[in-house]
């Protein structure tokens, strides 16, 4: 799916802590931004972001936020990473290779990625349950409210946000 610089941006599976290639570095950074947004959404909805369903609970790990991120991973992060690479907003030269094989984004690449992330959050789509236009950045807050309603017994089911 990467159209340019395929050899320099080759990815051989998911790697974290540290990411071992540029694509994994971009994904890890974008997922971290998304987790931050989901923690804020869950907290604003009165839920504890550390108590999850899909991810194991561990001290300092926002398991419920990680659960909520799953709904938006492809919609936001994966598409965003492909977009910045295919538009050549971020190039192979924007990464720093560390001793031990880890790959980090340069300061310029981080700034570019954050700007693209904020722009992506401003884009609108139709929410599948509400059938109303919403900004992508509002989705974690809407889904957190729907989850809170379900957990409190105000709603029989929780429908994840699935965009086709």
N, C-alpha and C. Protein backbone atom coordinates (compact mmCIF):
# COMPACT_ATOMS: atom_id res chain seq x y z
N UNK A 1 0.81 -1.20 0.00
CA UNK A 1 0.00 0.00 0.00
C UNK A 1 0.86 1.27 0.00
N UNK A 2 2.13 1.10 0.29
CA UNK A 2 3.04 2.24 0.24
C UNK A 2 3.53 2.37 -1.19
N UNK A 3 3.34 3.53 -1.78
CA UNK A 3 3.64 3.73 -3.20
C UNK A 3 5.04 4.23 -3.49
N UNK A 4 5.68 4.87 -2.53
CA UNK A 4 6.99 5.49 -2.76
C UNK A 4 8.00 4.98 -1.73
N UNK A 5 9.25 4.91 -2.12
CA UNK A 5 10.33 4.53 -1.21
C UNK A 5 10.08 3.20 -0.51
N UNK A 6 9.57 2.24 -1.24
CA UNK A 6 9.21 0.95 -0.63
C UNK A 6 10.39 0.25 0.04
N UNK A 7 11.54 0.31 -0.59
CA UNK A 7 12.71 -0.38 -0.01
C UNK A 7 13.10 0.23 1.34
N UNK A 8 13.13 1.56 1.43
CA UNK A 8 13.52 2.23 2.66
C UNK A 8 12.45 2.14 3.75
N UNK A 9 11.20 1.95 3.35
CA UNK A 9 10.09 1.92 4.29
C UNK A 9 9.55 0.50 4.51
N UNK A 10 10.31 -0.50 4.09
CA UNK A 10 9.85 -1.88 4.22
C UNK A 10 9.51 -2.21 5.67
N UNK A 11 8.41 -2.93 5.82
CA UNK A 11 7.92 -3.31 7.15
C UNK A 11 7.77 -4.82 7.18
N UNK A 12 8.33 -5.44 8.20
CA UNK A 12 8.23 -6.90 8.32
C UNK A 12 7.47 -7.23 9.61
N UNK A 13 6.20 -6.91 9.62
CA UNK A 13 5.38 -7.15 10.80
C UNK A 13 5.42 -6.00 11.77
N UNK A 14 4.61 -6.11 12.81
CA UNK A 14 4.51 -5.06 13.82
C UNK A 14 5.63 -5.22 14.83
N UNK A 15 6.31 -4.12 15.13
CA UNK A 15 7.35 -4.12 16.17
C UNK A 15 7.16 -2.88 17.03
N UNK A 16 7.34 -3.07 18.34
CA UNK A 16 7.18 -1.98 19.29
C UNK A 16 8.28 -2.05 20.34
N UNK A 17 8.47 -0.96 21.01
CA UNK A 17 9.38 -0.86 22.16
C UNK A 17 10.74 -1.49 21.91
N UNK A 18 11.54 -1.03 21.04
CA UNK A 18 11.34 0.10 20.14
C UNK A 18 10.83 -0.37 18.78
N UNK A 19 10.21 0.53 18.03
CA UNK A 19 9.86 0.18 16.65
C UNK A 19 11.15 -0.02 15.85
N UNK A 20 11.12 -1.01 14.96
CA UNK A 20 12.34 -1.38 14.24
C UNK A 20 12.39 -0.88 12.81
N UNK A 21 11.35 -0.16 12.38
CA UNK A 21 11.35 0.40 11.03
C UNK A 21 10.50 1.68 11.03
N UNK A 22 10.62 2.49 9.98
CA UNK A 22 9.90 3.77 9.95
C UNK A 22 8.38 3.64 10.06
N UNK A 23 7.79 2.66 9.41
CA UNK A 23 6.32 2.52 9.45
C UNK A 23 5.87 2.21 10.88
N UNK A 24 6.57 1.33 11.56
CA UNK A 24 6.22 1.02 12.94
C UNK A 24 6.43 2.22 13.86
N UNK A 25 7.44 3.03 13.58
CA UNK A 25 7.65 4.25 14.37
C UNK A 25 6.46 5.20 14.20
N UNK A 26 5.98 5.35 12.97
CA UNK A 26 4.82 6.20 12.71
C UNK A 26 3.56 5.65 13.37
N UNK A 27 3.35 4.35 13.24
CA UNK A 27 2.17 3.73 13.86
C UNK A 27 2.20 3.88 15.38
N UNK A 28 3.33 3.62 15.99
CA UNK A 28 3.44 3.72 17.45
C UNK A 28 3.14 5.13 17.94
N UNK A 29 3.68 6.12 17.25
CA UNK A 29 3.46 7.51 17.65
C UNK A 29 1.99 7.88 17.48
N UNK A 30 1.39 7.47 16.37
CA UNK A 30 -0.01 7.80 16.12
C UNK A 30 -0.93 7.08 17.10
N UNK A 31 -0.64 5.83 17.41
CA UNK A 31 -1.44 5.10 18.40
C UNK A 31 -1.34 5.78 19.76
N UNK A 32 -0.17 6.29 20.11
CA UNK A 32 -0.01 7.00 21.39
C UNK A 32 -0.90 8.25 21.42
N UNK A 33 -0.97 8.97 20.31
CA UNK A 33 -1.86 10.14 20.24
C UNK A 33 -3.32 9.72 20.43
N UNK A 34 -3.68 8.61 19.80
CA UNK A 34 -5.05 8.12 19.90
C UNK A 34 -5.39 7.66 21.33
N UNK A 35 -4.46 7.01 21.99
CA UNK A 35 -4.69 6.57 23.36
C UNK A 35 -4.94 7.78 24.25
N UNK A 36 -4.16 8.83 24.05
CA UNK A 36 -4.35 10.07 24.82
C UNK A 36 -5.76 10.61 24.63
N UNK A 37 -6.23 10.66 23.39
CA UNK A 37 -7.58 11.14 23.10
C UNK A 37 -8.64 10.25 23.74
N UNK A 38 -8.43 8.94 23.71
CA UNK A 38 -9.41 8.01 24.28
C UNK A 38 -9.43 8.08 25.81
N UNK A 39 -8.29 8.30 26.44
CA UNK A 39 -8.25 8.49 27.89
C UNK A 39 -9.09 9.72 28.26
N UNK A 40 -8.92 10.80 27.51
CA UNK A 40 -9.69 12.02 27.77
C UNK A 40 -11.18 11.77 27.58
N UNK A 41 -11.55 11.05 26.54
CA UNK A 41 -12.96 10.78 26.26
C UNK A 41 -13.59 9.92 27.35
N UNK A 42 -12.90 8.89 27.77
CA UNK A 42 -13.43 8.00 28.81
C UNK A 42 -13.55 8.73 30.14
N UNK A 43 -12.55 9.51 30.47
CA UNK A 43 -12.58 10.27 31.72
C UNK A 43 -13.73 11.27 31.71
N UNK A 44 -13.93 11.94 30.58
CA UNK A 44 -15.03 12.91 30.47
C UNK A 44 -16.39 12.23 30.59
N UNK A 45 -16.45 10.93 30.25
CA UNK A 45 -17.70 10.18 30.34
C UNK A 45 -17.89 9.52 31.70
N UNK A 46 -16.95 9.74 32.60
CA UNK A 46 -17.06 9.18 33.93
C UNK A 46 -16.58 7.74 34.06
N UNK A 47 -15.83 7.27 33.08
CA UNK A 47 -15.32 5.90 33.12
C UNK A 47 -13.84 5.90 33.49
N UNK A 48 -13.40 4.80 34.09
CA UNK A 48 -12.00 4.65 34.47
C UNK A 48 -11.24 4.09 33.26
N UNK A 49 -10.35 4.86 32.66
CA UNK A 49 -9.65 4.39 31.46
C UNK A 49 -8.69 3.23 31.73
N UNK A 50 -8.43 2.91 33.01
CA UNK A 50 -7.48 1.85 33.34
C UNK A 50 -8.11 0.46 33.45
N UNK A 51 -9.44 0.37 33.43
CA UNK A 51 -10.12 -0.92 33.61
C UNK A 51 -10.76 -1.32 32.29
N UNK A 52 -10.13 -2.28 31.61
CA UNK A 52 -10.58 -2.64 30.27
C UNK A 52 -11.23 -4.01 30.18
N UNK A 53 -11.61 -4.34 28.97
CA UNK A 53 -12.23 -5.62 28.67
C UNK A 53 -11.32 -6.49 27.82
N UNK A 54 -10.75 -5.90 26.77
CA UNK A 54 -9.93 -6.65 25.82
C UNK A 54 -8.46 -6.70 26.22
N UNK A 55 -7.97 -5.61 26.79
CA UNK A 55 -6.56 -5.53 27.19
C UNK A 55 -6.45 -5.81 28.69
N UNK A 56 -5.43 -6.54 29.07
CA UNK A 56 -5.22 -6.89 30.47
C UNK A 56 -4.97 -5.64 31.30
N UNK A 57 -5.51 -5.64 32.50
CA UNK A 57 -5.30 -4.53 33.43
C UNK A 57 -3.93 -4.67 34.07
N UNK A 58 -3.15 -3.59 33.98
CA UNK A 58 -1.84 -3.52 34.62
C UNK A 58 -1.67 -2.11 35.16
N UNK A 59 -0.90 -1.96 36.22
CA UNK A 59 -0.70 -0.61 36.76
C UNK A 59 -0.12 0.33 35.70
N UNK A 60 -0.70 1.51 35.57
CA UNK A 60 -0.22 2.51 34.63
C UNK A 60 -0.61 2.27 33.19
N UNK A 61 -1.42 1.25 32.94
CA UNK A 61 -1.83 0.93 31.57
C UNK A 61 -3.30 1.27 31.39
N UNK A 62 -3.62 2.18 30.48
CA UNK A 62 -5.03 2.56 30.27
C UNK A 62 -5.76 1.53 29.41
N UNK A 63 -6.09 0.39 30.01
CA UNK A 63 -6.64 -0.75 29.27
C UNK A 63 -7.93 -0.42 28.54
N UNK A 64 -8.85 0.29 29.17
CA UNK A 64 -10.10 0.63 28.50
C UNK A 64 -9.86 1.60 27.34
N UNK A 65 -8.92 2.50 27.51
CA UNK A 65 -8.57 3.41 26.41
C UNK A 65 -7.98 2.61 25.24
N UNK A 66 -7.16 1.63 25.54
CA UNK A 66 -6.61 0.77 24.48
C UNK A 66 -7.73 -0.02 23.79
N UNK A 67 -8.72 -0.44 24.58
CA UNK A 67 -9.89 -1.12 23.99
C UNK A 67 -10.61 -0.20 23.02
N UNK A 68 -10.83 1.05 23.43
CA UNK A 68 -11.56 2.01 22.61
C UNK A 68 -10.77 2.38 21.35
N UNK A 69 -9.47 2.44 21.45
CA UNK A 69 -8.63 2.75 20.29
C UNK A 69 -8.85 1.73 19.18
N UNK A 70 -9.12 0.49 19.54
CA UNK A 70 -9.30 -0.56 18.53
C UNK A 70 -10.36 -0.20 17.50
N UNK A 71 -11.39 0.52 17.91
CA UNK A 71 -12.46 0.91 16.99
C UNK A 71 -11.98 1.88 15.93
N UNK A 72 -10.96 2.65 16.24
CA UNK A 72 -10.53 3.73 15.35
C UNK A 72 -9.15 3.52 14.74
N UNK A 73 -8.52 2.41 15.06
CA UNK A 73 -7.14 2.16 14.62
C UNK A 73 -6.99 2.29 13.10
N UNK A 74 -7.80 1.58 12.33
CA UNK A 74 -7.65 1.65 10.86
C UNK A 74 -8.19 2.95 10.31
N UNK A 75 -9.28 3.43 10.88
CA UNK A 75 -9.91 4.66 10.39
C UNK A 75 -8.99 5.87 10.53
N UNK A 76 -8.28 5.94 11.62
CA UNK A 76 -7.45 7.11 11.89
C UNK A 76 -5.97 6.82 11.66
N UNK A 77 -5.38 5.97 12.46
CA UNK A 77 -3.92 5.80 12.45
C UNK A 77 -3.38 5.15 11.18
N UNK A 78 -3.93 4.00 10.83
CA UNK A 78 -3.37 3.27 9.69
C UNK A 78 -3.51 4.08 8.40
N UNK A 79 -4.67 4.67 8.21
CA UNK A 79 -4.88 5.49 7.00
C UNK A 79 -4.00 6.73 7.01
N UNK A 80 -3.84 7.32 8.18
CA UNK A 80 -3.01 8.52 8.29
C UNK A 80 -1.55 8.22 7.96
N UNK A 81 -1.03 7.13 8.48
CA UNK A 81 0.36 6.76 8.21
C UNK A 81 0.57 6.53 6.72
N UNK A 82 -0.34 5.79 6.10
CA UNK A 82 -0.23 5.57 4.65
C UNK A 82 -0.31 6.89 3.89
N UNK A 83 -1.19 7.78 4.31
CA UNK A 83 -1.37 9.06 3.62
C UNK A 83 -0.12 9.92 3.68
N UNK A 84 0.48 10.06 4.88
CA UNK A 84 1.67 10.92 4.98
C UNK A 84 2.85 10.35 4.21
N UNK A 85 2.93 9.03 4.13
CA UNK A 85 4.01 8.41 3.36
C UNK A 85 3.76 8.53 1.86
N UNK A 86 2.53 8.25 1.43
CA UNK A 86 2.22 8.30 0.00
C UNK A 86 2.17 9.72 -0.55
N UNK A 87 1.88 10.69 0.29
CA UNK A 87 1.92 12.10 -0.14
C UNK A 87 3.32 12.68 -0.01
N UNK A 88 4.23 11.87 0.48
CA UNK A 88 5.63 12.26 0.68
C UNK A 88 5.77 13.43 1.66
N UNK A 89 4.85 13.49 2.61
CA UNK A 89 4.96 14.49 3.68
C UNK A 89 6.06 14.08 4.66
N UNK A 90 6.25 12.78 4.78
CA UNK A 90 7.32 12.22 5.60
C UNK A 90 8.10 11.26 4.71
N UNK A 91 9.41 11.41 4.72
CA UNK A 91 10.29 10.63 3.84
C UNK A 91 11.23 9.76 4.68
N UNK A 92 11.90 8.81 4.07
CA UNK A 92 12.86 7.98 4.81
C UNK A 92 13.93 8.79 5.55
N UNK A 93 14.27 9.94 5.05
CA UNK A 93 15.28 10.78 5.71
C UNK A 93 14.77 11.41 7.00
N UNK A 94 13.47 11.29 7.30
CA UNK A 94 12.88 11.88 8.50
C UNK A 94 12.95 10.95 9.71
N UNK A 95 13.72 9.89 9.61
CA UNK A 95 13.82 8.93 10.70
C UNK A 95 15.26 8.82 11.18
N UNK A 96 15.41 8.53 12.46
CA UNK A 96 16.73 8.39 13.07
C UNK A 96 16.85 6.94 13.55
N UNK A 97 17.91 6.28 13.11
CA UNK A 97 18.16 4.89 13.55
C UNK A 97 19.07 4.94 14.77
N UNK A 98 18.67 4.25 15.80
CA UNK A 98 19.42 4.23 17.06
C UNK A 98 20.21 2.93 17.20
N UNK A 99 21.18 2.95 18.09
CA UNK A 99 21.92 1.72 18.40
C UNK A 99 20.92 0.69 18.91
N UNK A 100 21.08 -0.53 18.50
CA UNK A 100 20.16 -1.58 18.92
C UNK A 100 19.04 -1.80 17.92
N UNK A 101 18.97 -0.95 16.87
CA UNK A 101 18.00 -1.16 15.81
C UNK A 101 16.73 -0.35 15.89
N UNK A 102 16.53 0.37 16.97
CA UNK A 102 15.32 1.19 17.10
C UNK A 102 15.28 2.33 16.11
N UNK A 103 14.06 2.72 15.71
CA UNK A 103 13.87 3.81 14.76
C UNK A 103 12.97 4.85 15.41
N UNK A 104 13.38 6.11 15.32
CA UNK A 104 12.61 7.23 15.88
C UNK A 104 12.31 8.24 14.80
N UNK A 105 11.24 9.01 15.02
CA UNK A 105 10.91 10.11 14.12
C UNK A 105 11.76 11.32 14.48
N UNK A 106 12.18 12.06 13.49
CA UNK A 106 12.87 13.32 13.75
C UNK A 106 11.85 14.32 14.28
N UNK A 107 12.34 15.42 14.83
CA UNK A 107 11.44 16.46 15.34
C UNK A 107 10.53 17.00 14.24
N UNK A 108 11.07 17.16 13.06
CA UNK A 108 10.28 17.64 11.92
C UNK A 108 9.19 16.64 11.55
N UNK A 109 9.53 15.37 11.55
CA UNK A 109 8.54 14.34 11.22
C UNK A 109 7.44 14.28 12.27
N UNK A 110 7.80 14.41 13.54
CA UNK A 110 6.77 14.42 14.60
C UNK A 110 5.82 15.58 14.41
N UNK A 111 6.36 16.75 14.10
CA UNK A 111 5.52 17.93 13.90
C UNK A 111 4.59 17.72 12.70
N UNK A 112 5.12 17.19 11.62
CA UNK A 112 4.32 16.92 10.42
C UNK A 112 3.21 15.92 10.73
N UNK A 113 3.54 14.86 11.47
CA UNK A 113 2.56 13.84 11.80
C UNK A 113 1.47 14.39 12.72
N UNK A 114 1.84 15.19 13.70
CA UNK A 114 0.83 15.77 14.59
C UNK A 114 -0.10 16.70 13.81
N UNK A 115 0.45 17.49 12.91
CA UNK A 115 -0.39 18.37 12.09
C UNK A 115 -1.35 17.57 11.22
N UNK A 116 -0.87 16.48 10.64
CA UNK A 116 -1.73 15.62 9.82
C UNK A 116 -2.80 14.95 10.69
N UNK A 117 -2.43 14.57 11.90
CA UNK A 117 -3.38 13.94 12.84
C UNK A 117 -4.50 14.91 13.21
N UNK A 118 -4.13 16.14 13.51
CA UNK A 118 -5.13 17.16 13.86
C UNK A 118 -6.05 17.43 12.67
N UNK A 119 -5.48 17.49 11.47
CA UNK A 119 -6.29 17.70 10.26
C UNK A 119 -7.25 16.52 10.05
N UNK A 120 -6.76 15.31 10.29
CA UNK A 120 -7.62 14.12 10.13
C UNK A 120 -8.78 14.17 11.11
N UNK A 121 -8.53 14.62 12.34
CA UNK A 121 -9.58 14.70 13.34
C UNK A 121 -10.65 15.73 12.98
N UNK A 122 -10.31 16.69 12.12
CA UNK A 122 -11.30 17.70 11.69
C UNK A 122 -12.21 17.19 10.58
N UNK A 123 -11.81 16.13 9.89
CA UNK A 123 -12.62 15.60 8.79
C UNK A 123 -13.93 15.05 9.33
N UNK A 124 -14.97 15.13 8.52
CA UNK A 124 -16.30 14.67 8.93
C UNK A 124 -16.69 13.38 8.23
N UNK A 125 -17.51 12.60 8.92
CA UNK A 125 -18.12 11.42 8.35
C UNK A 125 -19.47 11.23 9.02
N UNK A 126 -20.25 10.30 8.51
CA UNK A 126 -21.56 10.04 9.09
C UNK A 126 -21.43 8.92 10.11
N UNK A 127 -21.85 9.20 11.34
CA UNK A 127 -21.79 8.20 12.39
C UNK A 127 -22.81 7.12 12.08
N UNK A 128 -22.42 5.83 12.12
CA UNK A 128 -23.31 4.76 11.69
C UNK A 128 -24.56 4.60 12.57
N UNK A 129 -24.47 4.89 13.85
CA UNK A 129 -25.63 4.76 14.74
C UNK A 129 -26.46 6.03 14.78
N UNK A 130 -25.80 7.16 14.88
CA UNK A 130 -26.51 8.43 15.00
C UNK A 130 -27.01 8.95 13.65
N UNK A 131 -26.44 8.45 12.57
CA UNK A 131 -26.80 8.88 11.20
C UNK A 131 -26.68 10.40 11.05
N UNK A 132 -25.67 10.95 11.69
CA UNK A 132 -25.45 12.39 11.64
C UNK A 132 -23.97 12.64 11.34
N UNK A 133 -23.68 13.76 10.68
CA UNK A 133 -22.26 14.06 10.42
C UNK A 133 -21.54 14.45 11.71
N UNK A 134 -20.36 13.86 11.92
CA UNK A 134 -19.53 14.18 13.08
C UNK A 134 -18.08 14.26 12.64
N UNK A 135 -17.33 15.03 13.37
CA UNK A 135 -15.89 15.07 13.11
C UNK A 135 -15.25 13.81 13.67
N UNK A 136 -14.22 13.35 13.01
CA UNK A 136 -13.53 12.14 13.45
C UNK A 136 -13.00 12.32 14.87
N UNK A 137 -12.58 13.51 15.21
CA UNK A 137 -12.09 13.78 16.56
C UNK A 137 -13.14 13.65 17.64
N UNK A 138 -14.41 13.68 17.27
CA UNK A 138 -15.50 13.54 18.24
C UNK A 138 -15.86 12.07 18.49
N UNK A 139 -15.44 11.18 17.60
CA UNK A 139 -15.84 9.78 17.70
C UNK A 139 -15.47 9.14 19.05
N UNK A 140 -14.25 9.31 19.56
CA UNK A 140 -13.96 8.69 20.86
C UNK A 140 -14.90 9.19 21.97
N UNK A 141 -15.27 10.46 21.94
CA UNK A 141 -16.16 11.00 22.96
C UNK A 141 -17.58 10.43 22.81
N UNK A 142 -18.06 10.32 21.58
CA UNK A 142 -19.37 9.74 21.34
C UNK A 142 -19.40 8.28 21.77
N UNK A 143 -18.39 7.53 21.37
CA UNK A 143 -18.36 6.11 21.72
C UNK A 143 -18.18 5.90 23.22
N UNK A 144 -17.41 6.75 23.87
CA UNK A 144 -17.24 6.65 25.32
C UNK A 144 -18.58 6.91 26.03
N UNK A 145 -19.34 7.86 25.53
CA UNK A 145 -20.66 8.14 26.13
C UNK A 145 -21.61 6.96 25.91
N UNK A 146 -21.57 6.36 24.71
CA UNK A 146 -22.40 5.20 24.43
C UNK A 146 -22.00 4.01 25.32
N UNK A 147 -20.71 3.84 25.52
CA UNK A 147 -20.23 2.77 26.39
C UNK A 147 -20.66 3.02 27.83
N UNK A 148 -20.55 4.24 28.29
CA UNK A 148 -20.96 4.58 29.65
C UNK A 148 -22.46 4.31 29.84
N UNK A 149 -23.26 4.68 28.86
CA UNK A 149 -24.70 4.41 28.94
C UNK A 149 -24.98 2.92 29.06
N UNK A 150 -24.25 2.13 28.29
CA UNK A 150 -24.44 0.68 28.34
C UNK A 150 -24.02 0.12 29.70
N UNK A 151 -22.86 0.53 30.19
CA UNK A 151 -22.37 0.01 31.47
C UNK A 151 -23.25 0.41 32.64
N UNK A 152 -23.90 1.54 32.53
CA UNK A 152 -24.80 2.00 33.60
C UNK A 152 -26.21 1.42 33.47
N UNK A 153 -26.45 0.66 32.41
CA UNK A 153 -27.74 0.02 32.23
C UNK A 153 -28.76 0.85 31.49
N UNK A 154 -28.37 1.99 30.95
CA UNK A 154 -29.31 2.85 30.22
C UNK A 154 -29.51 2.38 28.78
N UNK A 155 -28.65 1.52 28.30
CA UNK A 155 -28.72 1.01 26.94
C UNK A 155 -28.44 -0.49 26.98
N UNK A 156 -29.26 -1.27 26.26
CA UNK A 156 -29.11 -2.72 26.29
C UNK A 156 -27.81 -3.21 25.68
N UNK A 157 -27.39 -2.59 24.58
CA UNK A 157 -26.19 -3.05 23.89
C UNK A 157 -25.26 -1.87 23.63
N UNK A 158 -24.01 -2.22 23.40
CA UNK A 158 -23.03 -1.24 22.96
C UNK A 158 -22.66 -1.57 21.52
N UNK A 159 -22.86 -0.63 20.63
CA UNK A 159 -22.50 -0.83 19.24
C UNK A 159 -21.21 -0.09 18.94
N UNK A 160 -20.16 -0.82 18.57
CA UNK A 160 -18.91 -0.14 18.21
C UNK A 160 -19.08 0.67 16.94
N UNK A 161 -18.24 1.65 16.78
CA UNK A 161 -18.28 2.51 15.60
C UNK A 161 -17.54 1.80 14.47
N UNK A 162 -18.30 1.30 13.51
CA UNK A 162 -17.71 0.62 12.36
C UNK A 162 -18.05 1.44 11.11
N UNK A 163 -17.03 2.02 10.50
CA UNK A 163 -17.21 2.84 9.31
C UNK A 163 -16.82 2.01 8.10
N UNK A 164 -17.69 1.98 7.12
CA UNK A 164 -17.39 1.21 5.91
C UNK A 164 -17.08 2.10 4.76
